[in-house]
Amino acid sequence: MLCPDPAARGRLTEITRNLADRISEARINGWLGEVEGLKVSLAAAHAKLAALDRTVRNTAPGSADLEHGASGGTPMAPVAWNAAITALNDGELPCSGGERLIIYARAEVACRACRQSGSW
């Protein structure tokens, strides 16, 4: 998966609530090391939620809008990168080795927000 799936939002929210509860419990019991570890996990969960929100806000699910990309400002169609990578991996998208590398690289760039947030 290149970007967080919008359908996973409920689960991620549940995870953040659970982590917050576990932090409270660890504090009550004086488990300071556990508190610090859980805080790191909670920060990562919040980062994933933020990346998901950015993805949903900026693009259609599973796509990247290349509106002003390398086309010199000419609008371009959105690309469903998750579907493209799945098709590539399943052998349903015939291409050369060089084309395969370009597709992988472009899919990575399309999900820059995910990488920058450290969520995937």
PDB file of N, CA and C in Angstrom:
ATOM      1  N   MET A   1       0.843  -1.171   0.000  1.00  0.00           N
ATOM      2  CA  MET A   1       0.000   0.000   0.000  1.00  0.00           C
ATOM      3  C   MET A   1       0.891   1.238   0.000  1.00  0.00           C
ATOM      4  N   LEU A   2       0.617   2.151  -0.933  1.00  0.00           N
ATOM      5  CA  LEU A   2       1.435   3.345  -1.045  1.00  0.00           C
ATOM      6  C   LEU A   2       0.955   4.468  -0.145  1.00  0.00           C
ATOM      7  N   CYS A   3      -0.342   4.616   0.018  1.00  0.00           N
ATOM      8  CA  CYS A   3      -0.928   5.667   0.841  1.00  0.00           C
ATOM      9  C   CYS A   3      -1.923   5.034   1.798  1.00  0.00           C
ATOM     10  N   PRO A   4      -2.195   5.694   2.914  1.00  0.00           N
ATOM     11  CA  PRO A   4      -3.213   5.159   3.811  1.00  0.00           C
ATOM     12  C   PRO A   4      -4.544   5.034   3.088  1.00  0.00           C
ATOM     13  N   ASP A   5      -5.248   3.962   3.327  1.00  0.00           N
ATOM     14  CA  ASP A   5      -6.547   3.721   2.719  1.00  0.00           C
ATOM     15  C   ASP A   5      -7.596   4.507   3.499  1.00  0.00           C
ATOM     16  N   PRO A   6      -8.422   5.337   2.813  1.00  0.00           N
ATOM     17  CA  PRO A   6      -9.450   6.100   3.516  1.00  0.00           C
ATOM     18  C   PRO A   6     -10.385   5.209   4.348  1.00  0.00           C
ATOM     19  N   ALA A   7     -10.577   3.988   3.935  1.00  0.00           N
ATOM     20  CA  ALA A   7     -11.425   3.069   4.695  1.00  0.00           C
ATOM     21  C   ALA A   7     -10.807   2.701   6.042  1.00  0.00           C
ATOM     22  N   ALA A   8      -9.516   2.947   6.219  1.00  0.00           N
ATOM     23  CA  ALA A   8      -8.825   2.602   7.468  1.00  0.00           C
ATOM     24  C   ALA A   8      -8.943   3.694   8.531  1.00  0.00           C
ATOM     25  N   ARG A   9      -9.612   4.802   8.209  1.00  0.00           N
ATOM     26  CA  ARG A   9      -9.686   5.922   9.156  1.00  0.00           C
ATOM     27  C   ARG A   9     -10.303   5.512  10.492  1.00  0.00           C
ATOM     28  N   GLY A  10     -11.401   4.773  10.451  1.00  0.00           N
ATOM     29  CA  GLY A  10     -12.054   4.341  11.691  1.00  0.00           C
ATOM     30  C   GLY A  10     -11.128   3.499  12.552  1.00  0.00           C
ATOM     31  N   ARG A  11     -10.417   2.598  11.933  1.00  0.00           N
ATOM     32  CA  ARG A  11      -9.486   1.732  12.668  1.00  0.00           C
ATOM     33  C   ARG A  11      -8.340   2.554  13.262  1.00  0.00           C
ATOM     34  N   LEU A  12      -7.808   3.501  12.486  1.00  0.00           N
ATOM     35  CA  LEU A  12      -6.733   4.349  12.994  1.00  0.00           C
ATOM     36  C   LEU A  12      -7.213   5.206  14.173  1.00  0.00           C
ATOM     37  N   THR A  13      -8.432   5.688  14.097  1.00  0.00           N
ATOM     38  CA  THR A  13      -9.004   6.467  15.205  1.00  0.00           C
ATOM     39  C   THR A  13      -9.132   5.592  16.444  1.00  0.00           C
ATOM     40  N   GLU A  14      -9.589   4.367  16.253  1.00  0.00           N
ATOM     41  CA  GLU A  14      -9.705   3.413  17.364  1.00  0.00           C
ATOM     42  C   GLU A  14      -8.338   3.137  17.990  1.00  0.00           C
ATOM     43  N   ILE A  15      -7.332   2.995  17.152  1.00  0.00           N
ATOM     44  CA  ILE A  15      -5.967   2.743  17.639  1.00  0.00           C
ATOM     45  C   ILE A  15      -5.472   3.927  18.472  1.00  0.00           C
ATOM     46  N   THR A  16      -5.726   5.156  18.013  1.00  0.00           N
ATOM     47  CA  THR A  16      -5.259   6.314  18.777  1.00  0.00           C
ATOM     48  C   THR A  16      -5.957   6.393  20.132  1.00  0.00           C
ATOM     49  N   ARG A  17      -7.252   6.085  20.167  1.00  0.00           N
ATOM     50  CA  ARG A  17      -7.963   6.085  21.453  1.00  0.00           C
ATOM     51  C   ARG A  17      -7.396   5.024  22.386  1.00  0.00           C
ATOM     52  N   ASN A  18      -7.126   3.852  21.836  1.00  0.00           N
ATOM     53  CA  ASN A  18      -6.581   2.761  22.639  1.00  0.00           C
ATOM     54  C   ASN A  18      -5.196   3.138  23.187  1.00  0.00           C
ATOM     55  N   LEU A  19      -4.377   3.749  22.354  1.00  0.00           N
ATOM     56  CA  LEU A  19      -3.051   4.171  22.808  1.00  0.00           C
ATOM     57  C   LEU A  19      -3.150   5.218  23.918  1.00  0.00           C
ATOM     58  N   ALA A  20      -4.071   6.156  23.769  1.00  0.00           N
ATOM     59  CA  ALA A  20      -4.254   7.177  24.812  1.00  0.00           C
ATOM     60  C   ALA A  20      -4.676   6.524  26.130  1.00  0.00           C
ATOM     61  N   ASP A  21      -5.572   5.537  26.055  1.00  0.00           N
ATOM     62  CA  ASP A  21      -5.995   4.812  27.261  1.00  0.00           C
ATOM     63  C   ASP A  21      -4.823   4.068  27.896  1.00  0.00           C
ATOM     64  N   ARG A  22      -3.996   3.445  27.062  1.00  0.00           N
ATOM     65  CA  ARG A  22      -2.841   2.702  27.572  1.00  0.00           C
ATOM     66  C   ARG A  22      -1.814   3.640  28.204  1.00  0.00           C
ATOM     67  N   ILE A  23      -1.668   4.841  27.649  1.00  0.00           N
ATOM     68  CA  ILE A  23      -0.757   5.832  28.241  1.00  0.00           C
ATOM     69  C   ILE A  23      -1.258   6.219  29.625  1.00  0.00           C
ATOM     70  N   SER A  24      -2.556   6.457  29.748  1.00  0.00           N
ATOM     71  CA  SER A  24      -3.137   6.804  31.064  1.00  0.00           C
ATOM     72  C   SER A  24      -2.899   5.692  32.071  1.00  0.00           C
ATOM     73  N   GLU A  25      -3.128   4.463  31.650  1.00  0.00           N
ATOM     74  CA  GLU A  25      -2.919   3.316  32.539  1.00  0.00           C
ATOM     75  C   GLU A  25      -1.454   3.208  32.961  1.00  0.00           C
ATOM     76  N   ALA A  26      -0.546   3.397  32.008  1.00  0.00           N
ATOM     77  CA  ALA A  26       0.882   3.303  32.320  1.00  0.00           C
ATOM     78  C   ALA A  26       1.297   4.401  33.296  1.00  0.00           C
ATOM     79  N   ARG A  27       0.755   5.598  33.126  1.00  0.00           N
ATOM     80  CA  ARG A  27       1.068   6.692  34.058  1.00  0.00           C
ATOM     81  C   ARG A  27       0.586   6.357  35.467  1.00  0.00           C
ATOM     82  N   ILE A  28      -0.643   5.844  35.558  1.00  0.00           N
ATOM     83  CA  ILE A  28      -1.204   5.480  36.862  1.00  0.00           C
ATOM     84  C   ILE A  28      -0.319   4.460  37.570  1.00  0.00           C
ATOM     85  N   ASN A  29       0.209   3.513  36.811  1.00  0.00           N
ATOM     86  CA  ASN A  29       1.032   2.451  37.378  1.00  0.00           C
ATOM     87  C   ASN A  29       2.506   2.826  37.499  1.00  0.00           C
ATOM     88  N   GLY A  30       2.858   4.031  37.075  1.00  0.00           N
ATOM     89  CA  GLY A  30       4.246   4.476  37.193  1.00  0.00           C
ATOM     90  C   GLY A  30       5.198   3.833  36.195  1.00  0.00           C
ATOM     91  N   TRP A  31       4.687   3.350  35.090  1.00  0.00           N
ATOM     92  CA  TRP A  31       5.507   2.701  34.063  1.00  0.00           C
ATOM     93  C   TRP A  31       6.002   3.760  33.081  1.00  0.00           C
ATOM     94  N   LEU A  32       6.977   4.538  33.486  1.00  0.00           N
ATOM     95  CA  LEU A  32       7.421   5.689  32.705  1.00  0.00           C
ATOM     96  C   LEU A  32       8.016   5.304  31.354  1.00  0.00           C
ATOM     97  N   GLY A  33       8.745   4.204  31.313  1.00  0.00           N
ATOM     98  CA  GLY A  33       9.300   3.746  30.037  1.00  0.00           C
ATOM     99  C   GLY A  33       8.200   3.361  29.063  1.00  0.00           C
ATOM    100  N   GLU A  34       7.183   2.711  29.581  1.00  0.00           N
ATOM    101  CA  GLU A  34       6.034   2.318  28.751  1.00  0.00           C
ATOM    102  C   GLU A  34       5.309   3.560  28.229  1.00  0.00           C
ATOM    103  N   VAL A  35       5.193   4.580  29.095  1.00  0.00           N
ATOM    104  CA  VAL A  35       4.542   5.830  28.682  1.00  0.00           C
ATOM    105  C   VAL A  35       5.277   6.418  27.481  1.00  0.00           C
ATOM    106  N   GLU A  36       6.595   6.474  27.568  1.00  0.00           N
ATOM    107  CA  GLU A  36       7.374   7.076  26.469  1.00  0.00           C
ATOM    108  C   GLU A  36       7.227   6.280  25.175  1.00  0.00           C
ATOM    109  N   GLY A  37       7.270   4.967  25.281  1.00  0.00           N
ATOM    110  CA  GLY A  37       7.105   4.128  24.086  1.00  0.00           C
ATOM    111  C   GLY A  37       5.733   4.291  23.454  1.00  0.00           C
ATOM    112  N   LEU A  38       4.707   4.342  24.282  1.00  0.00           N
ATOM    113  CA  LEU A  38       3.344   4.508  23.782  1.00  0.00           C
ATOM    114  C   LEU A  38       3.143   5.896  23.160  1.00  0.00           C
ATOM    115  N   LYS A  39       3.822   6.898  23.705  1.00  0.00           N
ATOM    116  CA  LYS A  39       3.723   8.242  23.133  1.00  0.00           C
ATOM    117  C   LYS A  39       4.304   8.278  21.718  1.00  0.00           C
ATOM    118  N   VAL A  40       5.359   7.518  21.497  1.00  0.00           N
ATOM    119  CA  VAL A  40       5.940   7.437  20.154  1.00  0.00           C
ATOM    120  C   VAL A  40       4.931   6.785  19.197  1.00  0.00           C
ATOM    121  N   SER A  41       4.311   5.704  19.657  1.00  0.00           N
ATOM    122  CA  SER A  41       3.308   5.021  18.827  1.00  0.00           C
ATOM    123  C   SER A  41       2.109   5.923  18.552  1.00  0.00           C
ATOM    124  N   LEU A  42       1.690   6.683  19.561  1.00  0.00           N
ATOM    125  CA  LEU A  42       0.561   7.592  19.395  1.00  0.00           C
ATOM    126  C   LEU A  42       0.895   8.693  18.380  1.00  0.00           C
ATOM    127  N   ALA A  43       2.102   9.214  18.448  1.00  0.00           N
ATOM    128  CA  ALA A  43       2.521  10.237  17.485  1.00  0.00           C
ATOM    129  C   ALA A  43       2.507   9.671  16.058  1.00  0.00           C
ATOM    130  N   ALA A  44       2.950   8.429  15.902  1.00  0.00           N
ATOM    131  CA  ALA A  44       2.943   7.791  14.579  1.00  0.00           C
ATOM    132  C   ALA A  44       1.512   7.592  14.085  1.00  0.00           C
ATOM    133  N   ALA A  45       0.617   7.195  14.974  1.00  0.00           N
ATOM    134  CA  ALA A  45      -0.792   7.010  14.589  1.00  0.00           C
ATOM    135  C   ALA A  45      -1.409   8.344  14.174  1.00  0.00           C
ATOM    136  N   HIS A  46      -1.092   9.403  14.914  1.00  0.00           N
ATOM    137  CA  HIS A  46      -1.594  10.737  14.540  1.00  0.00           C
ATOM    138  C   HIS A  46      -1.024  11.169  13.186  1.00  0.00           C
ATOM    139  N   ALA A  47       0.236  10.843  12.923  1.00  0.00           N
ATOM    140  CA  ALA A  47       0.850  11.182  11.631  1.00  0.00           C
ATOM    141  C   ALA A  47       0.150  10.450  10.495  1.00  0.00           C
ATOM    142  N   LYS A  48      -0.200   9.176  10.719  1.00  0.00           N
ATOM    143  CA  LYS A  48      -0.929   8.434   9.691  1.00  0.00           C
ATOM    144  C   LYS A  48      -2.299   9.055   9.436  1.00  0.00           C
ATOM    145  N   LEU A  49      -2.989   9.450  10.498  1.00  0.00           N
ATOM    146  CA  LEU A  49      -4.289  10.097  10.325  1.00  0.00           C
ATOM    147  C   LEU A  49      -4.151  11.408   9.551  1.00  0.00           C
ATOM    148  N   ALA A  50      -3.124  12.181   9.868  1.00  0.00           N
ATOM    149  CA  ALA A  50      -2.898  13.448   9.164  1.00  0.00           C
ATOM    150  C   ALA A  50      -2.590  13.194   7.683  1.00  0.00           C
ATOM    151  N   ALA A  51      -1.777  12.182   7.400  1.00  0.00           N
ATOM    152  CA  ALA A  51      -1.463  11.838   6.004  1.00  0.00           C
ATOM    153  C   ALA A  51      -2.721  11.394   5.277  1.00  0.00           C
ATOM    154  N   LEU A  52      -3.542  10.622   5.950  1.00  0.00           N
ATOM    155  CA  LEU A  52      -4.797  10.168   5.358  1.00  0.00           C
ATOM    156  C   LEU A  52      -5.692  11.359   5.055  1.00  0.00           C
ATOM    157  N   ASP A  53      -5.807  12.276   5.990  1.00  0.00           N
ATOM    158  CA  ASP A  53      -6.636  13.466   5.776  1.00  0.00           C
ATOM    159  C   ASP A  53      -6.133  14.302   4.614  1.00  0.00           C
ATOM    160  N   ARG A  54      -4.797  14.458   4.510  1.00  0.00           N
ATOM    161  CA  ARG A  54      -4.230  15.207   3.380  1.00  0.00           C
ATOM    162  C   ARG A  54      -4.527  14.507   2.069  1.00  0.00           C
ATOM    163  N   THR A  55      -4.391  13.195   2.053  1.00  0.00           N
ATOM    164  CA  THR A  55      -4.633  12.431   0.832  1.00  0.00           C
ATOM    165  C   THR A  55      -6.082  12.566   0.400  1.00  0.00           C
ATOM    166  N   VAL A  56      -7.003  12.418   1.338  1.00  0.00           N
ATOM    167  CA  VAL A  56      -8.429  12.510   1.022  1.00  0.00           C
ATOM    168  C   VAL A  56      -8.777  13.923   0.573  1.00  0.00           C
ATOM    169  N   ARG A  57      -8.211  14.916   1.232  1.00  0.00           N
ATOM    170  CA  ARG A  57      -8.509  16.312   0.915  1.00  0.00           C
ATOM    171  C   ARG A  57      -7.955  16.705  -0.454  1.00  0.00           C
ATOM    172  N   ASN A  58      -6.777  16.198  -0.807  1.00  0.00           N
ATOM    173  CA  ASN A  58      -6.097  16.648  -2.024  1.00  0.00           C
ATOM    174  C   ASN A  58      -6.375  15.817  -3.267  1.00  0.00           C
ATOM    175  N   THR A  59      -6.810  14.579  -3.102  1.00  0.00           N
ATOM    176  CA  THR A  59      -6.992  13.707  -4.264  1.00  0.00           C
ATOM    177  C   THR A  59      -8.174  12.791  -4.048  1.00  0.00           C
ATOM    178  N   ALA A  60      -8.596  12.168  -5.095  1.00  0.00           N
ATOM    179  CA  ALA A  60      -9.579  11.095  -4.993  1.00  0.00           C
ATOM    180  C   ALA A  60      -8.873   9.905  -4.361  1.00  0.00           C
ATOM    181  N   PRO A  61      -9.605   9.007  -3.685  1.00  0.00           N
ATOM    182  CA  PRO A  61      -8.962   7.852  -3.055  1.00  0.00           C
ATOM    183  C   PRO A  61      -8.108   7.057  -4.045  1.00  0.00           C
ATOM    184  N   GLY A  62      -6.857   6.830  -3.670  1.00  0.00           N
ATOM    185  CA  GLY A  62      -5.964   6.003  -4.474  1.00  0.00           C
ATOM    186  C   GLY A  62      -5.428   6.667  -5.722  1.00  0.00           C
ATOM    187  N   SER A  63      -5.578   7.985  -5.837  1.00  0.00           N
ATOM    188  CA  SER A  63      -5.094   8.651  -7.040  1.00  0.00           C
ATOM    189  C   SER A  63      -4.223   9.839  -6.680  1.00  0.00           C
ATOM    190  N   ALA A  64      -3.517  10.346  -7.655  1.00  0.00           N
ATOM    191  CA  ALA A  64      -2.723  11.552  -7.463  1.00  0.00           C
ATOM    192  C   ALA A  64      -3.043  12.503  -8.599  1.00  0.00           C
ATOM    193  N   ASP A  65      -3.366  13.717  -8.292  1.00  0.00           N
ATOM    194  CA  ASP A  65      -3.705  14.695  -9.312  1.00  0.00           C
ATOM    195  C   ASP A  65      -2.423  15.350  -9.808  1.00  0.00           C
ATOM    196  N   LEU A  66      -2.145  15.182 -11.070  1.00  0.00           N
ATOM    197  CA  LEU A  66      -0.919  15.723 -11.658  1.00  0.00           C
ATOM    198  C   LEU A  66      -1.199  17.020 -12.402  1.00  0.00           C
ATOM    199  N   GLU A  67      -2.155  17.783 -11.907  1.00  0.00           N
ATOM    200  CA  GLU A  67      -2.657  18.953 -12.608  1.00  0.00           C
ATOM    201  C   GLU A  67      -1.565  19.875 -13.150  1.00  0.00           C
ATOM    202  N   HIS A  68      -0.529  20.116 -12.374  1.00  0.00           N
ATOM    203  CA  HIS A  68       0.525  21.017 -12.834  1.00  0.00           C
ATOM    204  C   HIS A  68       1.887  20.354 -12.721  1.00  0.00           C
ATOM    205  N   GLY A  69       1.984  19.120 -13.162  1.00  0.00           N
ATOM    206  CA  GLY A  69       3.225  18.368 -13.073  1.00  0.00           C
ATOM    207  C   GLY A  69       4.181  18.734 -14.188  1.00  0.00           C
ATOM    208  N   ALA A  70       4.852  17.733 -14.732  1.00  0.00           N
ATOM    209  CA  ALA A  70       5.882  17.931 -15.752  1.00  0.00           C
ATOM    210  C   ALA A  70       5.296  18.302 -17.108  1.00  0.00           C
ATOM    211  N   SER A  71       4.003  18.572 -17.159  1.00  0.00           N
ATOM    212  CA  SER A  71       3.339  18.855 -18.427  1.00  0.00           C
ATOM    213  C   SER A  71       3.445  20.315 -18.835  1.00  0.00           C
ATOM    214  N   GLY A  72       4.174  21.122 -18.062  1.00  0.00           N
ATOM    215  CA  GLY A  72       4.283  22.543 -18.391  1.00  0.00           C
ATOM    216  C   GLY A  72       3.001  23.294 -18.084  1.00  0.00           C
ATOM    217  N   GLY A  73       2.211  22.792 -17.160  1.00  0.00           N
ATOM    218  CA  GLY A  73       0.978  23.476 -16.774  1.00  0.00           C
ATOM    219  C   GLY A  73      -0.255  22.927 -17.461  1.00  0.00           C
ATOM    220  N   THR A  74      -0.093  22.034 -18.441  1.00  0.00           N
ATOM    221  CA  THR A  74      -1.246  21.436 -19.093  1.00  0.00           C
ATOM    222  C   THR A  74      -1.890  20.443 -18.143  1.00  0.00           C
ATOM    223  N   PRO A  75      -3.213  20.596 -17.885  1.00  0.00           N
ATOM    224  CA  PRO A  75      -3.871  19.655 -16.976  1.00  0.00           C
ATOM    225  C   PRO A  75      -3.739  18.213 -17.461  1.00  0.00           C
ATOM    226  N   MET A  76      -3.534  17.320 -16.521  1.00  0.00           N
ATOM    227  CA  MET A  76      -3.387  15.903 -16.839  1.00  0.00           C
ATOM    228  C   MET A  76      -4.424  15.118 -16.048  1.00  0.00           C
ATOM    229  N   ALA A  77      -4.757  13.944 -16.516  1.00  0.00           N
ATOM    230  CA  ALA A  77      -5.728  13.091 -15.829  1.00  0.00           C
ATOM    231  C   ALA A  77      -5.122  12.533 -14.547  1.00  0.00           C
ATOM    232  N   PRO A  78      -5.956  12.315 -13.518  1.00  0.00           N
ATOM    233  CA  PRO A  78      -5.449  11.674 -12.303  1.00  0.00           C
ATOM    234  C   PRO A  78      -5.077  10.224 -12.586  1.00  0.00           C
ATOM    235  N   VAL A  79      -4.133   9.718 -11.832  1.00  0.00           N
ATOM    236  CA  VAL A  79      -3.689   8.334 -11.983  1.00  0.00           C
ATOM    237  C   VAL A  79      -4.001   7.586 -10.698  1.00  0.00           C
ATOM    238  N   ALA A  80      -4.646   6.450 -10.803  1.00  0.00           N
ATOM    239  CA  ALA A  80      -4.917   5.606  -9.638  1.00  0.00           C
ATOM    240  C   ALA A  80      -3.656   4.778  -9.379  1.00  0.00           C
ATOM    241  N   TRP A  81      -2.717   5.332  -8.594  1.00  0.00           N
ATOM    242  CA  TRP A  81      -1.408   4.713  -8.408  1.00  0.00           C
ATOM    243  C   TRP A  81      -1.497   3.365  -7.715  1.00  0.00           C
ATOM    244  N   ASN A  82      -2.365   3.231  -6.728  1.00  0.00           N
ATOM    245  CA  ASN A  82      -2.478   1.931  -6.051  1.00  0.00           C
ATOM    246  C   ASN A  82      -2.893   0.857  -7.047  1.00  0.00           C
ATOM    247  N   ALA A  83      -3.860   1.182  -7.920  1.00  0.00           N
ATOM    248  CA  ALA A  83      -4.309   0.224  -8.926  1.00  0.00           C
ATOM    249  C   ALA A  83      -3.209  -0.053  -9.951  1.00  0.00           C
ATOM    250  N   ALA A  84      -2.469   0.995 -10.324  1.00  0.00           N
ATOM    251  CA  ALA A  84      -1.386   0.816 -11.297  1.00  0.00           C
ATOM    252  C   ALA A  84      -0.301  -0.106 -10.742  1.00  0.00           C
ATOM    253  N   ILE A  85       0.086   0.092  -9.496  1.00  0.00           N
ATOM    254  CA  ILE A  85       1.127  -0.743  -8.892  1.00  0.00           C
ATOM    255  C   ILE A  85       0.635  -2.171  -8.729  1.00  0.00           C
ATOM    256  N   THR A  86      -0.615  -2.336  -8.338  1.00  0.00           N
ATOM    257  CA  THR A  86      -1.180  -3.688  -8.210  1.00  0.00           C
ATOM    258  C   THR A  86      -1.156  -4.396  -9.563  1.00  0.00           C
ATOM    259  N   ALA A  87      -1.595  -3.695 -10.612  1.00  0.00           N
ATOM    260  CA  ALA A  87      -1.589  -4.281 -11.952  1.00  0.00           C
ATOM    261  C   ALA A  87      -0.165  -4.605 -12.401  1.00  0.00           C
ATOM    262  N   LEU A  88       0.771  -3.720 -12.096  1.00  0.00           N
ATOM    263  CA  LEU A  88       2.171  -3.945 -12.450  1.00  0.00           C
ATOM    264  C   LEU A  88       2.703  -5.183 -11.741  1.00  0.00           C
ATOM    265  N   ASN A  89       2.443  -5.286 -10.450  1.00  0.00           N
ATOM    266  CA  ASN A  89       2.923  -6.429  -9.671  1.00  0.00           C
ATOM    267  C   ASN A  89       2.264  -7.740 -10.082  1.00  0.00           C
ATOM    268  N   ASP A  90       1.019  -7.662 -10.552  1.00  0.00           N
ATOM    269  CA  ASP A  90       0.292  -8.866 -10.967  1.00  0.00           C
ATOM    270  C   ASP A  90       0.568  -9.244 -12.417  1.00  0.00           C
ATOM    271  N   GLY A  91       1.434  -8.496 -13.101  1.00  0.00           N
ATOM    272  CA  GLY A  91       1.766  -8.793 -14.486  1.00  0.00           C
ATOM    273  C   GLY A  91       0.699  -8.370 -15.474  1.00  0.00           C
ATOM    274  N   GLU A  92      -0.232  -7.525 -15.047  1.00  0.00           N
ATOM    275  CA  GLU A  92      -1.330  -7.090 -15.910  1.00  0.00           C
ATOM    276  C   GLU A  92      -1.022  -5.778 -16.629  1.00  0.00           C
ATOM    277  N   LEU A  93       0.138  -5.224 -16.357  1.00  0.00           N
ATOM    278  CA  LEU A  93       0.544  -3.972 -16.990  1.00  0.00           C
ATOM    279  C   LEU A  93       1.886  -4.220 -17.667  1.00  0.00           C
ATOM    280  N   PRO A  94       1.854  -4.653 -18.934  1.00  0.00           N
ATOM    281  CA  PRO A  94       3.107  -4.972 -19.613  1.00  0.00           C
ATOM    282  C   PRO A  94       3.963  -3.721 -19.813  1.00  0.00           C
ATOM    283  N   CYS A  95       5.237  -3.847 -19.477  1.00  0.00           N
ATOM    284  CA  CYS A  95       6.162  -2.738 -19.668  1.00  0.00           C
ATOM    285  C   CYS A  95       7.587  -3.262 -19.575  1.00  0.00           C
ATOM    286  N   SER A  96       8.512  -2.419 -20.012  1.00  0.00           N
ATOM    287  CA  SER A  96       9.922  -2.785 -19.934  1.00  0.00           C
ATOM    288  C   SER A  96      10.417  -2.564 -18.510  1.00  0.00           C
ATOM    289  N   GLY A  97      11.627  -3.027 -18.237  1.00  0.00           N
ATOM    290  CA  GLY A  97      12.210  -2.824 -16.917  1.00  0.00           C
ATOM    291  C   GLY A  97      12.362  -1.353 -16.571  1.00  0.00           C
ATOM    292  N   GLY A  98      12.760  -0.553 -17.553  1.00  0.00           N
ATOM    293  CA  GLY A  98      12.913   0.888 -17.333  1.00  0.00           C
ATOM    294  C   GLY A  98      11.574   1.552 -17.061  1.00  0.00           C
ATOM    295  N   GLU A  99      10.550   1.154 -17.810  1.00  0.00           N
ATOM    296  CA  GLU A  99       9.217   1.708 -17.583  1.00  0.00           C
ATOM    297  C   GLU A  99       8.700   1.324 -16.195  1.00  0.00           C
ATOM    298  N   ARG A 100       8.999   0.099 -15.786  1.00  0.00           N
ATOM    299  CA  ARG A 100       8.579  -0.374 -14.458  1.00  0.00           C
ATOM    300  C   ARG A 100       9.202   0.509 -13.371  1.00  0.00           C
ATOM    301  N   LEU A 101      10.478   0.811 -13.501  1.00  0.00           N
ATOM    302  CA  LEU A 101      11.157   1.666 -12.518  1.00  0.00           C
ATOM    303  C   LEU A 101      10.562   3.070 -12.494  1.00  0.00           C
ATOM    304  N   ILE A 102      10.224   3.591 -13.663  1.00  0.00           N
ATOM    305  CA  ILE A 102       9.622   4.929 -13.730  1.00  0.00           C
ATOM    306  C   ILE A 102       8.260   4.934 -13.046  1.00  0.00           C
ATOM    307  N   ILE A 103       7.469   3.893 -13.266  1.00  0.00           N
ATOM    308  CA  ILE A 103       6.144   3.820 -12.633  1.00  0.00           C
ATOM    309  C   ILE A 103       6.288   3.761 -11.115  1.00  0.00           C
ATOM    310  N   TYR A 104       7.205   2.917 -10.632  1.00  0.00           N
ATOM    311  CA  TYR A 104       7.423   2.839  -9.178  1.00  0.00           C
ATOM    312  C   TYR A 104       7.877   4.194  -8.623  1.00  0.00           C
ATOM    313  N   ALA A 105       8.812   4.850  -9.326  1.00  0.00           N
ATOM    314  CA  ALA A 105       9.323   6.137  -8.856  1.00  0.00           C
ATOM    315  C   ALA A 105       8.214   7.188  -8.838  1.00  0.00           C
ATOM    316  N   ARG A 106       7.393   7.220  -9.871  1.00  0.00           N
ATOM    317  CA  ARG A 106       6.316   8.220  -9.936  1.00  0.00           C
ATOM    318  C   ARG A 106       5.266   7.950  -8.858  1.00  0.00           C
ATOM    319  N   ALA A 107       4.991   6.681  -8.578  1.00  0.00           N
ATOM    320  CA  ALA A 107       4.035   6.343  -7.526  1.00  0.00           C
ATOM    321  C   ALA A 107       4.564   6.815  -6.174  1.00  0.00           C
ATOM    322  N   GLU A 108       5.862   6.684  -5.970  1.00  0.00           N
ATOM    323  CA  GLU A 108       6.471   7.161  -4.721  1.00  0.00           C
ATOM    324  C   GLU A 108       6.318   8.671  -4.578  1.00  0.00           C
ATOM    325  N   VAL A 109       6.558   9.383  -5.660  1.00  0.00           N
ATOM    326  CA  VAL A 109       6.435  10.839  -5.637  1.00  0.00           C
ATOM    327  C   VAL A 109       4.982  11.233  -5.381  1.00  0.00           C
ATOM    328  N   ALA A 110       4.054  10.494  -5.964  1.00  0.00           N
ATOM    329  CA  ALA A 110       2.634  10.799  -5.798  1.00  0.00           C
ATOM    330  C   ALA A 110       2.211  10.694  -4.343  1.00  0.00           C
ATOM    331  N   CYS A 111       2.922   9.896  -3.581  1.00  0.00           N
ATOM    332  CA  CYS A 111       2.569   9.722  -2.177  1.00  0.00           C
ATOM    333  C   CYS A 111       3.611  10.359  -1.264  1.00  0.00           C
ATOM    334  N   ARG A 112       4.174  11.472  -1.715  1.00  0.00           N
ATOM    335  CA  ARG A 112       5.215  12.169  -0.956  1.00  0.00           C
ATOM    336  C   ARG A 112       4.743  12.504   0.452  1.00  0.00           C
ATOM    337  N   ALA A 113       3.495  12.898   0.603  1.00  0.00           N
ATOM    338  CA  ALA A 113       2.983  13.257   1.930  1.00  0.00           C
ATOM    339  C   ALA A 113       3.066  12.068   2.877  1.00  0.00           C
ATOM    340  N   CYS A 114       2.835  10.879   2.345  1.00  0.00           N
ATOM    341  CA  CYS A 114       2.910   9.681   3.184  1.00  0.00           C
ATOM    342  C   CYS A 114       4.334   9.451   3.663  1.00  0.00           C
ATOM    343  N   ARG A 115       5.292   9.578   2.745  1.00  0.00           N
ATOM    344  CA  ARG A 115       6.699   9.360   3.121  1.00  0.00           C
ATOM    345  C   ARG A 115       7.192  10.423   4.070  1.00  0.00           C
ATOM    346  N   GLN A 116       6.844  11.702   3.825  1.00  0.00           N
ATOM    347  CA  GLN A 116       7.337  12.787   4.666  1.00  0.00           C
ATOM    348  C   GLN A 116       6.808  12.679   6.088  1.00  0.00           C
ATOM    349  N   SER A 117       5.585  12.167   6.222  1.00  0.00           N
ATOM    350  CA  SER A 117       5.025  12.045   7.568  1.00  0.00           C
ATOM    351  C   SER A 117       5.566  10.803   8.278  1.00  0.00           C
ATOM    352  N   GLY A 118       6.281   9.935   7.530  1.00  0.00           N
ATOM    353  CA  GLY A 118       6.818   8.724   8.128  1.00  0.00           C
ATOM    354  C   GLY A 118       5.742   7.685   8.392  1.00  0.00           C
ATOM    355  N   SER A 119       4.568   7.842   7.742  1.00  0.00           N
ATOM    356  CA  SER A 119       3.472   6.947   8.044  1.00  0.00           C
ATOM    357  C   SER A 119       3.529   5.609   7.312  1.00  0.00           C
ATOM    358  N   TRP A 120       4.346   5.531   6.238  1.00  0.00           N
ATOM    359  CA  TRP A 120       4.441   4.238   5.522  1.00  0.00           C
ATOM    360  C   TRP A 120       5.861   3.976   5.146  1.00  0.00           C
TER     361      TRP A 120
END
